[in-house]
C-alpha atoms as a PDB file:
ATOM      1  CA  UNK A   1     -89.298 -29.854-125.066  1.00  0.00           C
ATOM      2  CA  UNK A   2     -90.419 -26.650-125.397  1.00  0.00           C
ATOM      3  CA  UNK A   3     -89.951 -24.219-122.435  1.00  0.00           C
ATOM      4  CA  UNK A   4     -91.929 -20.734-122.296  1.00  0.00           C
ATOM      5  CA  UNK A   5     -90.321 -18.008-120.785  1.00  0.00           C
ATOM      6  CA  UNK A   6     -92.903 -15.987-118.109  1.00  0.00           C
ATOM      7  CA  UNK A   7     -92.774 -13.100-120.434  1.00  0.00           C
ATOM      8  CA  UNK A   8     -93.549 -15.042-123.832  1.00  0.00           C
ATOM      9  CA  UNK A   9     -96.716 -13.915-125.109  1.00  0.00           C
ATOM     10  CA  UNK A  10     -97.685 -11.904-121.805  1.00  0.00           C
ATOM     11  CA  UNK A  11    -101.124 -10.372-122.186  1.00  0.00           C
ATOM     12  CA  UNK A  12    -100.582  -7.868-119.292  1.00  0.00           C
ATOM     13  CA  UNK A  13    -103.714  -6.467-118.055  1.00  0.00           C
ATOM     14  CA  UNK A  14    -105.821  -7.607-120.581  1.00  0.00           C
ATOM     15  CA  UNK A  15    -108.611  -9.516-119.409  1.00  0.00           C
ATOM     16  CA  UNK A  16    -109.133  -7.859-115.999  1.00  0.00           C
ATOM     17  CA  UNK A  17    -112.594  -5.924-117.213  1.00  0.00           C
ATOM     18  CA  UNK A  18    -113.699  -9.359-119.016  1.00  0.00           C
ATOM     19  CA  UNK A  19    -113.011 -11.026-115.947  1.00  0.00           C
ATOM     20  CA  UNK A  20    -114.905  -8.640-113.568  1.00  0.00           C
ATOM     21  CA  UNK A  21    -118.147  -8.829-116.343  1.00  0.00           C
ATOM     22  CA  UNK A  22    -118.045 -12.337-116.207  1.00  0.00           C
ATOM     23  CA  UNK A  23    -118.052 -12.503-112.527  1.00  0.00           C
ATOM     24  CA  UNK A  24    -121.282 -10.149-112.240  1.00  0.00           C
ATOM     25  CA  UNK A  25    -122.860 -12.423-114.822  1.00  0.00           C
ATOM     26  CA  UNK A  26    -121.904 -15.607-112.829  1.00  0.00           C
ATOM     27  CA  UNK A  27    -123.007 -14.255-109.354  1.00  0.00           C
ATOM     28  CA  UNK A  28    -126.483 -14.551-110.193  1.00  0.00           C
ATOM     29  CA  UNK A  29    -126.230 -18.011-110.676  1.00  0.00           C
ATOM     30  CA  UNK A  30    -128.184 -19.727-107.866  1.00  0.00           C
ATOM     31  CA  UNK A  31    -125.476 -22.227-107.029  1.00  0.00           C
ATOM     32  CA  UNK A  32    -123.304 -18.857-106.801  1.00  0.00           C
ATOM     33  CA  UNK A  33    -126.006 -16.985-104.610  1.00  0.00           C
ATOM     34  CA  UNK A  34    -125.911 -20.440-102.212  1.00  0.00           C
ATOM     35  CA  UNK A  35    -122.229 -19.786-101.917  1.00  0.00           C
ATOM     36  CA  UNK A  36    -122.715 -16.344-100.534  1.00  0.00           C
ATOM     37  CA  UNK A  37    -123.988 -17.825 -96.763  1.00  0.00           C
ATOM     38  CA  UNK A  38    -121.182 -19.792 -95.695  1.00  0.00           C
ATOM     39  CA  UNK A  39    -118.469 -16.775 -95.784  1.00  0.00           C
ATOM     40  CA  UNK A  40    -121.128 -14.117 -94.676  1.00  0.00           C
ATOM     41  CA  UNK A  41    -122.424 -15.936 -91.926  1.00  0.00           C
ATOM     42  CA  UNK A  42    -118.872 -16.735 -90.604  1.00  0.00           C
ATOM     43  CA  UNK A  43    -117.858 -12.945 -91.105  1.00  0.00           C
ATOM     44  CA  UNK A  44    -121.046 -12.003 -89.151  1.00  0.00           C
ATOM     45  CA  UNK A  45    -120.845 -14.473 -86.503  1.00  0.00           C
ATOM     46  CA  UNK A  46    -117.014 -13.754 -85.900  1.00  0.00           C
ATOM     47  CA  UNK A  47    -117.785 -10.102 -85.784  1.00  0.00           C
ATOM     48  CA  UNK A  48    -120.521 -10.359 -83.348  1.00  0.00           C
ATOM     49  CA  UNK A  49    -118.577 -13.083 -81.193  1.00  0.00           C
ATOM     50  CA  UNK A  50    -114.975 -11.047 -81.067  1.00  0.00           C
ATOM     51  CA  UNK A  51    -116.816  -7.752 -80.178  1.00  0.00           C
ATOM     52  CA  UNK A  52    -118.827  -9.258 -77.523  1.00  0.00           C
ATOM     53  CA  UNK A  53    -115.880 -11.457 -75.983  1.00  0.00           C
ATOM     54  CA  UNK A  54    -112.957  -9.875 -76.832  1.00  0.00           C
ATOM     55  CA  UNK A  55    -113.736  -6.044 -77.101  1.00  0.00           C
ATOM     56  CA  UNK A  56    -113.246  -5.668 -73.277  1.00  0.00           C
ATOM     57  CA  UNK A  57    -110.065  -8.011 -72.921  1.00  0.00           C
ATOM     58  CA  UNK A  58    -108.156  -6.358 -75.974  1.00  0.00           C
ATOM     59  CA  UNK A  59    -109.390  -2.708 -75.017  1.00  0.00           C
ATOM     60  CA  UNK A  60    -107.620  -3.593 -71.234  1.00  0.00           C
ATOM     61  CA  UNK A  61    -104.879  -4.803 -73.150  1.00  0.00           C
ATOM     62  CA  UNK A  62    -104.460  -1.912 -75.500  1.00  0.00           C
ATOM     63  CA  UNK A  63    -105.007   0.335 -71.881  1.00  0.00           C
ATOM     64  CA  UNK A  64    -101.730  -1.649 -70.334  1.00  0.00           C
ATOM     65  CA  UNK A  65     -99.363  -1.997 -73.278  1.00  0.00           C
ATOM     66  CA  UNK A  66    -100.016   1.373 -75.528  1.00  0.00           C
ATOM     67  CA  UNK A  67    -101.184   4.100 -73.699  1.00  0.00           C
ATOM     68  CA  UNK A  68     -97.995   5.207 -71.692  1.00  0.00           C
ATOM     69  CA  UNK A  69     -95.938   4.160 -74.903  1.00  0.00           C
ATOM     70  CA  UNK A  70     -93.109   6.790 -76.377  1.00  0.00           C
ATOM     71  CA  UNK A  71     -94.921   6.907 -79.866  1.00  0.00           C
ATOM     72  CA  UNK A  72     -98.146   7.735 -78.584  1.00  0.00           C
ATOM     73  CA  UNK A  73     -96.761  10.559 -75.860  1.00  0.00           C
ATOM     74  CA  UNK A  74     -95.113  12.110 -78.888  1.00  0.00           C
ATOM     75  CA  UNK A  75     -97.954  11.966 -81.156  1.00  0.00           C
ATOM     76  CA  UNK A  76     -99.763  13.421 -78.542  1.00  0.00           C
ATOM     77  CA  UNK A  77     -97.532  16.539 -78.259  1.00  0.00           C
ATOM     78  CA  UNK A  78     -97.505  16.695 -81.603  1.00  0.00           C
ATOM     79  CA  UNK A  79    -101.048  17.416 -82.170  1.00  0.00           C
ATOM     80  CA  UNK A  80    -101.598  19.508 -79.174  1.00  0.00           C
ATOM     81  CA  UNK A  81     -98.662  21.899 -80.157  1.00  0.00           C
ATOM     82  CA  UNK A  82    -100.444  21.783 -83.549  1.00  0.00           C
ATOM     83  CA  UNK A  83    -103.653  23.022 -81.613  1.00  0.00           C
ATOM     84  CA  UNK A  84    -105.631  20.129 -82.737  1.00  0.00           C
ATOM     85  CA  UNK A  85    -106.524  17.638 -79.842  1.00  0.00           C
ATOM     86  CA  UNK A  86    -104.925  15.894 -77.023  1.00  0.00           C
ATOM     87  CA  UNK A  87    -105.013  11.745 -77.526  1.00  0.00           C
ATOM     88  CA  UNK A  88    -104.768  11.335 -73.854  1.00  0.00           C
ATOM     89  CA  UNK A  89    -107.866  13.119 -73.115  1.00  0.00           C
ATOM     90  CA  UNK A  90    -109.829  10.895 -76.052  1.00  0.00           C
ATOM     91  CA  UNK A  91    -108.411   7.897 -74.436  1.00  0.00           C
ATOM     92  CA  UNK A  92    -111.155   5.717 -73.831  1.00  0.00           C
ATOM     93  CA  UNK A  93    -112.503   6.239 -77.205  1.00  0.00           C
ATOM     94  CA  UNK A  94    -109.087   5.744 -79.189  1.00  0.00           C
ATOM     95  CA  UNK A  95    -108.673   2.616 -77.382  1.00  0.00           C
ATOM     96  CA  UNK A  96    -112.471   1.272 -78.270  1.00  0.00           C
ATOM     97  CA  UNK A  97    -111.959   2.636 -81.880  1.00  0.00           C
ATOM     98  CA  UNK A  98    -108.417   0.546 -82.356  1.00  0.00           C
ATOM     99  CA  UNK A  99    -109.863  -2.525 -80.624  1.00  0.00           C
ATOM    100  CA  UNK A 100    -112.557  -2.432 -83.338  1.00  0.00           C
ATOM    101  CA  UNK A 101    -109.895  -1.965 -85.777  1.00  0.00           C
ATOM    102  CA  UNK A 102    -108.384  -5.269 -84.995  1.00  0.00           C
ATOM    103  CA  UNK A 103    -111.171  -7.623 -84.532  1.00  0.00           C
ATOM    104  CA  UNK A 104    -113.503  -6.453 -87.470  1.00  0.00           C
ATOM    105  CA  UNK A 105    -110.544  -7.037 -89.961  1.00  0.00           C
ATOM    106  CA  UNK A 106    -109.870 -10.088 -88.019  1.00  0.00           C
ATOM    107  CA  UNK A 107    -113.279 -11.424 -88.634  1.00  0.00           C
ATOM    108  CA  UNK A 108    -113.217 -10.251 -92.574  1.00  0.00           C
ATOM    109  CA  UNK A 109    -109.810 -12.102 -93.084  1.00  0.00           C
ATOM    110  CA  UNK A 110    -111.451 -15.519 -91.520  1.00  0.00           C
ATOM    111  CA  UNK A 111    -114.264 -15.144 -93.997  1.00  0.00           C
ATOM    112  CA  UNK A 112    -111.993 -14.608 -96.645  1.00  0.00           C
ATOM    113  CA  UNK A 113    -109.941 -17.621 -95.727  1.00  0.00           C
ATOM    114  CA  UNK A 114    -112.644 -19.852 -95.312  1.00  0.00           C
ATOM    115  CA  UNK A 115    -114.113 -18.503 -98.894  1.00  0.00           C
ATOM    116  CA  UNK A 116    -110.640 -19.256-100.162  1.00  0.00           C
ATOM    117  CA  UNK A 117    -110.732 -23.083 -98.750  1.00  0.00           C
ATOM    118  CA  UNK A 118    -114.023 -24.069 -98.743  1.00  0.00           C
ATOM    119  CA  UNK A 119    -115.810 -21.985-101.195  1.00  0.00           C
ATOM    120  CA  UNK A 120    -113.339 -21.350-104.048  1.00  0.00           C
ATOM    121  CA  UNK A 121    -113.858 -25.197-105.050  1.00  0.00           C
ATOM    122  CA  UNK A 122    -117.310 -24.585-105.897  1.00  0.00           C
ATOM    123  CA  UNK A 123    -116.716 -21.257-107.693  1.00  0.00           C
ATOM    124  CA  UNK A 124    -114.148 -22.816-109.723  1.00  0.00           C
ATOM    125  CA  UNK A 125    -116.215 -26.136-110.478  1.00  0.00           C
ATOM    126  CA  UNK A 126    -118.918 -23.835-111.640  1.00  0.00           C
ATOM    127  CA  UNK A 127    -116.879 -22.003-113.746  1.00  0.00           C
ATOM    128  CA  UNK A 128    -114.752 -24.702-114.885  1.00  0.00           C
ATOM    129  CA  UNK A 129    -118.059 -26.284-115.931  1.00  0.00           C
ATOM    130  CA  UNK A 130    -119.937 -23.556-117.842  1.00  0.00           C
ATOM    131  CA  UNK A 131    -116.923 -21.558-119.227  1.00  0.00           C
ATOM    132  CA  UNK A 132    -113.876 -23.646-119.297  1.00  0.00           C
ATOM    133  CA  UNK A 133    -114.501 -27.384-119.820  1.00  0.00           C
ATOM    134  CA  UNK A 134    -111.943 -27.603-122.126  1.00  0.00           C
ATOM    135  CA  UNK A 135    -108.986 -26.939-119.389  1.00  0.00           C
ATOM    136  CA  UNK A 136    -108.093 -30.260-117.834  1.00  0.00           C
ATOM    137  CA  UNK A 137    -107.048 -30.620-113.877  1.00  0.00           C
ATOM    138  CA  UNK A 138    -103.446 -30.753-113.856  1.00  0.00           C
ATOM    139  CA  UNK A 139    -103.234 -29.403-110.241  1.00  0.00           C
ATOM    140  CA  UNK A 140    -101.767 -31.682-107.310  1.00  0.00           C
ATOM    141  CA  UNK A 141    -102.516 -31.514-103.565  1.00  0.00           C
ATOM    142  CA  UNK A 142    -104.955 -28.695-104.375  1.00  0.00           C
ATOM    143  CA  UNK A 143    -106.365 -28.593-100.616  1.00  0.00           C
ATOM    144  CA  UNK A 144    -103.015 -28.564 -98.986  1.00  0.00           C
ATOM    145  CA  UNK A 145    -101.733 -25.507-101.016  1.00  0.00           C
ATOM    146  CA  UNK A 146    -104.813 -23.648-100.501  1.00  0.00           C
ATOM    147  CA  UNK A 147    -105.051 -24.340 -96.861  1.00  0.00           C
ATOM    148  CA  UNK A 148    -101.136 -23.172 -96.303  1.00  0.00           C
ATOM    149  CA  UNK A 149    -101.602 -20.404 -98.513  1.00  0.00           C
ATOM    150  CA  UNK A 150    -104.597 -18.983 -96.602  1.00  0.00           C
ATOM    151  CA  UNK A 151    -102.885 -19.408 -93.231  1.00  0.00           C
ATOM    152  CA  UNK A 152     -99.904 -17.642 -94.319  1.00  0.00           C
ATOM    153  CA  UNK A 153    -101.603 -14.962 -95.853  1.00  0.00           C
ATOM    154  CA  UNK A 154    -103.784 -14.508 -92.711  1.00  0.00           C
ATOM    155  CA  UNK A 155    -101.135 -14.385 -90.193  1.00  0.00           C
ATOM    156  CA  UNK A 156     -99.058 -11.696 -92.236  1.00  0.00           C
ATOM    157  CA  UNK A 157    -102.447  -9.382 -93.095  1.00  0.00           C
ATOM    158  CA  UNK A 158    -103.133  -9.624 -89.272  1.00  0.00           C
ATOM    159  CA  UNK A 159     -99.781  -8.856 -88.154  1.00  0.00           C
ATOM    160  CA  UNK A 160     -99.289  -6.012 -90.345  1.00  0.00           C
ATOM    161  CA  UNK A 161    -102.490  -4.819 -89.719  1.00  0.00           C
ATOM    162  CA  UNK A 162    -101.856  -4.334 -86.175  1.00  0.00           C
ATOM    163  CA  UNK A 163     -98.243  -3.063 -86.556  1.00  0.00           C
ATOM    164  CA  UNK A 164     -99.845  -0.144 -89.022  1.00  0.00           C
ATOM    165  CA  UNK A 165    -102.412   0.545 -86.494  1.00  0.00           C
ATOM    166  CA  UNK A 166    -100.983   3.785 -85.400  1.00  0.00           C
ATOM    167  CA  UNK A 167    -101.426   5.216 -89.365  1.00  0.00           C
ATOM    168  CA  UNK A 168    -105.116   5.574 -88.224  1.00  0.00           C
ATOM    169  CA  UNK A 169    -104.579   8.525 -86.256  1.00  0.00           C
ATOM    170  CA  UNK A 170    -104.310  10.300 -89.285  1.00  0.00           C
ATOM    171  CA  UNK A 171    -107.381   9.263 -91.551  1.00  0.00           C
ATOM    172  CA  UNK A 172    -105.686   9.570 -95.076  1.00  0.00           C
ATOM    173  CA  UNK A 173    -103.211   7.257 -94.056  1.00  0.00           C
ATOM    174  CA  UNK A 174    -105.241   4.791 -92.608  1.00  0.00           C
ATOM    175  CA  UNK A 175    -107.472   4.455 -95.492  1.00  0.00           C
ATOM    176  CA  UNK A 176    -104.361   4.178 -97.649  1.00  0.00           C
ATOM    177  CA  UNK A 177    -103.059   1.446 -95.443  1.00  0.00           C
ATOM    178  CA  UNK A 178    -106.616  -0.351 -95.362  1.00  0.00           C
ATOM    179  CA  UNK A 179    -106.548  -0.464 -99.002  1.00  0.00           C
ATOM    180  CA  UNK A 180    -102.951  -1.630 -99.218  1.00  0.00           C
ATOM    181  CA  UNK A 181    -103.750  -4.753 -96.766  1.00  0.00           C
ATOM    182  CA  UNK A 182    -106.551  -5.803 -98.476  1.00  0.00           C
ATOM    183  CA  UNK A 183    -105.125  -5.689-101.993  1.00  0.00           C
ATOM    184  CA  UNK A 184    -102.570  -7.708-100.442  1.00  0.00           C
ATOM    185  CA  UNK A 185    -105.222 -10.293 -98.661  1.00  0.00           C
ATOM    186  CA  UNK A 186    -107.385 -10.664-102.360  1.00  0.00           C
ATOM    187  CA  UNK A 187    -104.199 -10.972-104.599  1.00  0.00           C
ATOM    188  CA  UNK A 188    -102.206 -13.215-102.400  1.00  0.00           C
ATOM    189  CA  UNK A 189    -105.422 -15.661-101.197  1.00  0.00           C
ATOM    190  CA  UNK A 190    -107.225 -15.584-104.135  1.00  0.00           C
ATOM    191  CA  UNK A 191    -105.010 -15.606-107.092  1.00  0.00           C
ATOM    192  CA  UNK A 192    -103.899 -19.372-106.059  1.00  0.00           C
ATOM    193  CA  UNK A 193    -106.935 -20.570-105.442  1.00  0.00           C
ATOM    194  CA  UNK A 194    -108.320 -19.811-108.840  1.00  0.00           C
ATOM    195  CA  UNK A 195    -105.955 -21.904-110.708  1.00  0.00           C
ATOM    196  CA  UNK A 196    -104.495 -24.516-107.911  1.00  0.00           C
ATOM    197  CA  UNK A 197    -107.032 -27.384-109.160  1.00  0.00           C
ATOM    198  CA  UNK A 198    -106.398 -26.725-112.638  1.00  0.00           C
ATOM    199  CA  UNK A 199    -102.665 -25.685-113.280  1.00  0.00           C
ATOM    200  CA  UNK A 200     -99.321 -27.678-112.597  1.00  0.00           C
ATOM    201  CA  UNK A 201     -96.550 -25.892-110.413  1.00  0.00           C
ATOM    202  CA  UNK A 202     -94.612 -24.849-113.771  1.00  0.00           C
ATOM    203  CA  UNK A 203     -97.662 -23.224-114.620  1.00  0.00           C
ATOM    204  CA  UNK A 204     -98.507 -21.744-111.531  1.00  0.00           C
ATOM    205  CA  UNK A 205     -95.245 -20.242-111.823  1.00  0.00           C
ATOM    206  CA  UNK A 206     -95.714 -18.793-115.363  1.00  0.00           C
ATOM    207  CA  UNK A 207     -98.602 -17.378-114.824  1.00  0.00           C
ATOM    208  CA  UNK A 208     -98.013 -15.918-111.377  1.00  0.00           C
ATOM    209  CA  UNK A 209     -95.037 -14.246-112.829  1.00  0.00           C
ATOM    210  CA  UNK A 210     -96.772 -13.276-115.987  1.00  0.00           C
ATOM    211  CA  UNK A 211    -100.005 -11.678-114.637  1.00  0.00           C
ATOM    212  CA  UNK A 212     -98.767 -10.661-111.437  1.00  0.00           C
ATOM    213  CA  UNK A 213     -99.801  -7.034-112.176  1.00  0.00           C
ATOM    214  CA  UNK A 214    -103.268  -8.473-113.484  1.00  0.00           C
ATOM    215  CA  UNK A 215    -104.033 -10.228-110.000  1.00  0.00           C
ATOM    216  CA  UNK A 216    -102.840  -6.916-108.303  1.00  0.00           C
ATOM    217  CA  UNK A 217    -104.978  -4.745-110.062  1.00  0.00           C
ATOM    218  CA  UNK A 218    -108.152  -7.053-109.150  1.00  0.00           C
ATOM    219  CA  UNK A 219    -107.165  -7.058-105.475  1.00  0.00           C
ATOM    220  CA  UNK A 220    -107.023  -3.349-105.812  1.00  0.00           C
ATOM    221  CA  UNK A 221    -110.716  -3.038-107.349  1.00  0.00           C
ATOM    222  CA  UNK A 222    -111.716  -5.738-104.873  1.00  0.00           C
ATOM    223  CA  UNK A 223    -110.346  -3.602-101.817  1.00  0.00           C
ATOM    224  CA  UNK A 224    -112.104  -0.631-102.810  1.00  0.00           C
ATOM    225  CA  UNK A 225    -115.137  -2.382-102.924  1.00  0.00           C
ATOM    226  CA  UNK A 226    -114.464  -3.794 -99.450  1.00  0.00           C
ATOM    227  CA  UNK A 227    -114.994  -0.256 -98.345  1.00  0.00           C
ATOM    228  CA  UNK A 228    -118.585  -0.066 -98.690  1.00  0.00           C
ATOM    229  CA  UNK A 229    -120.031  -2.616 -95.830  1.00  0.00           C
ATOM    230  CA  UNK A 230    -122.887  -4.066 -97.947  1.00  0.00           C
ATOM    231  CA  UNK A 231    -119.942  -5.582-100.410  1.00  0.00           C
ATOM    232  CA  UNK A 232    -118.849  -7.620 -97.214  1.00  0.00           C
ATOM    233  CA  UNK A 233    -121.933  -9.880 -98.233  1.00  0.00           C
ATOM    234  CA  UNK A 234    -121.081 -10.984-101.547  1.00  0.00           C
ATOM    235  CA  UNK A 235    -117.248  -9.672-101.755  1.00  0.00           C
ATOM    236  CA  UNK A 236    -115.654 -13.480-100.741  1.00  0.00           C
ATOM    237  CA  UNK A 237    -117.496 -14.889-103.466  1.00  0.00           C
ATOM    238  CA  UNK A 238    -117.233 -12.341-106.299  1.00  0.00           C
ATOM    239  CA  UNK A 239    -113.817 -11.795-105.978  1.00  0.00           C
ATOM    240  CA  UNK A 240    -113.687 -16.000-106.405  1.00  0.00           C
ATOM    241  CA  UNK A 241    -115.537 -15.058-109.618  1.00  0.00           C
ATOM    242  CA  UNK A 242    -113.384 -12.643-110.846  1.00  0.00           C
ATOM    243  CA  UNK A 243    -109.897 -14.175-109.905  1.00  0.00           C
ATOM    244  CA  UNK A 244    -110.864 -17.792-111.289  1.00  0.00           C
ATOM    245  CA  UNK A 245    -112.121 -16.148-114.478  1.00  0.00           C
ATOM    246  CA  UNK A 246    -109.057 -14.331-115.075  1.00  0.00           C
ATOM    247  CA  UNK A 247    -106.883 -17.184-113.789  1.00  0.00           C
ATOM    248  CA  UNK A 248    -108.447 -19.856-116.315  1.00  0.00           C
ATOM    249  CA  UNK A 249    -108.399 -17.660-119.059  1.00  0.00           C
ATOM    250  CA  UNK A 250    -104.857 -17.090-118.750  1.00  0.00           C
ATOM    251  CA  UNK A 251    -104.279 -20.794-118.149  1.00  0.00           C
ATOM    252  CA  UNK A 252    -106.331 -21.469-121.459  1.00  0.00           C
ATOM    253  CA  UNK A 253    -103.949 -18.852-123.446  1.00  0.00           C
ATOM    254  CA  UNK A 254    -100.519 -20.408-121.991  1.00  0.00           C
ATOM    255  CA  UNK A 255    -101.377 -23.874-123.050  1.00  0.00           C
ATOM    256  CA  UNK A 256    -102.514 -22.841-126.384  1.00  0.00           C
ATOM    257  CA  UNK A 257     -98.924 -21.239-126.873  1.00  0.00           C
ATOM    258  CA  UNK A 258     -97.657 -24.538-125.619  1.00  0.00           C
ATOM    259  CA  UNK A 259     -99.322 -26.337-128.338  1.00  0.00           C
ATOM    260  CA  UNK A 260     -98.559 -23.942-130.992  1.00  0.00           C
ATOM    261  CA  UNK A 261     -94.797 -23.900-130.312  1.00  0.00           C
ATOM    262  CA  UNK A 262     -94.555 -27.695-130.078  1.00  0.00           C
END
């Protein structure tokens, strides 16, 4: 029985650019254009509902529990000592901004989770039929794995986002934190769903160890695009196309190595 080392024949970051190129072409297929609707409508609907229903209560909660906190008072004193501005004098504006910074990412991660669980099978089926017909389906319990992965990634993302909200008081740090958390969300969410239907548990482990940097690099580029509001329309599906192209190509190479070494 042949045992493959996770590092053996590693292709490193190669294939990332090719995956983006394939995804751009595939995105214009009618089926993929139609697939845009579900996550976009969910993100839009969730954003509208959360802003109108939860904005007021969340702002009130923040006002009760945060505005008198030691860290805010210390930050206020530091900014005033620098001759900048007082956080307390801009309390209403800051609370509203903080609430929006919680609710919009919440709707965004919901849309990404829906795309991962319900849209990714459409994406994988499309690419499997048109670009990777030679790769056999060997995954098990794909739906359960996908749901569990989407849940834990969403929870960690939201908790981490809330805990790092104070960094938004200093815009460069807030932007960096945003990039890091969305890189985490895209990478951890989509990489599993891109290969879960085709790769068995052993193959998934090898692929994630070999191509971890590639998956994270794709996530970083998707996070950069996520800074542009128009990209929110197509990014859940487009990121799925990129990850699936990259993941299935990596799986194809892995299985060809196994064939050669047997």
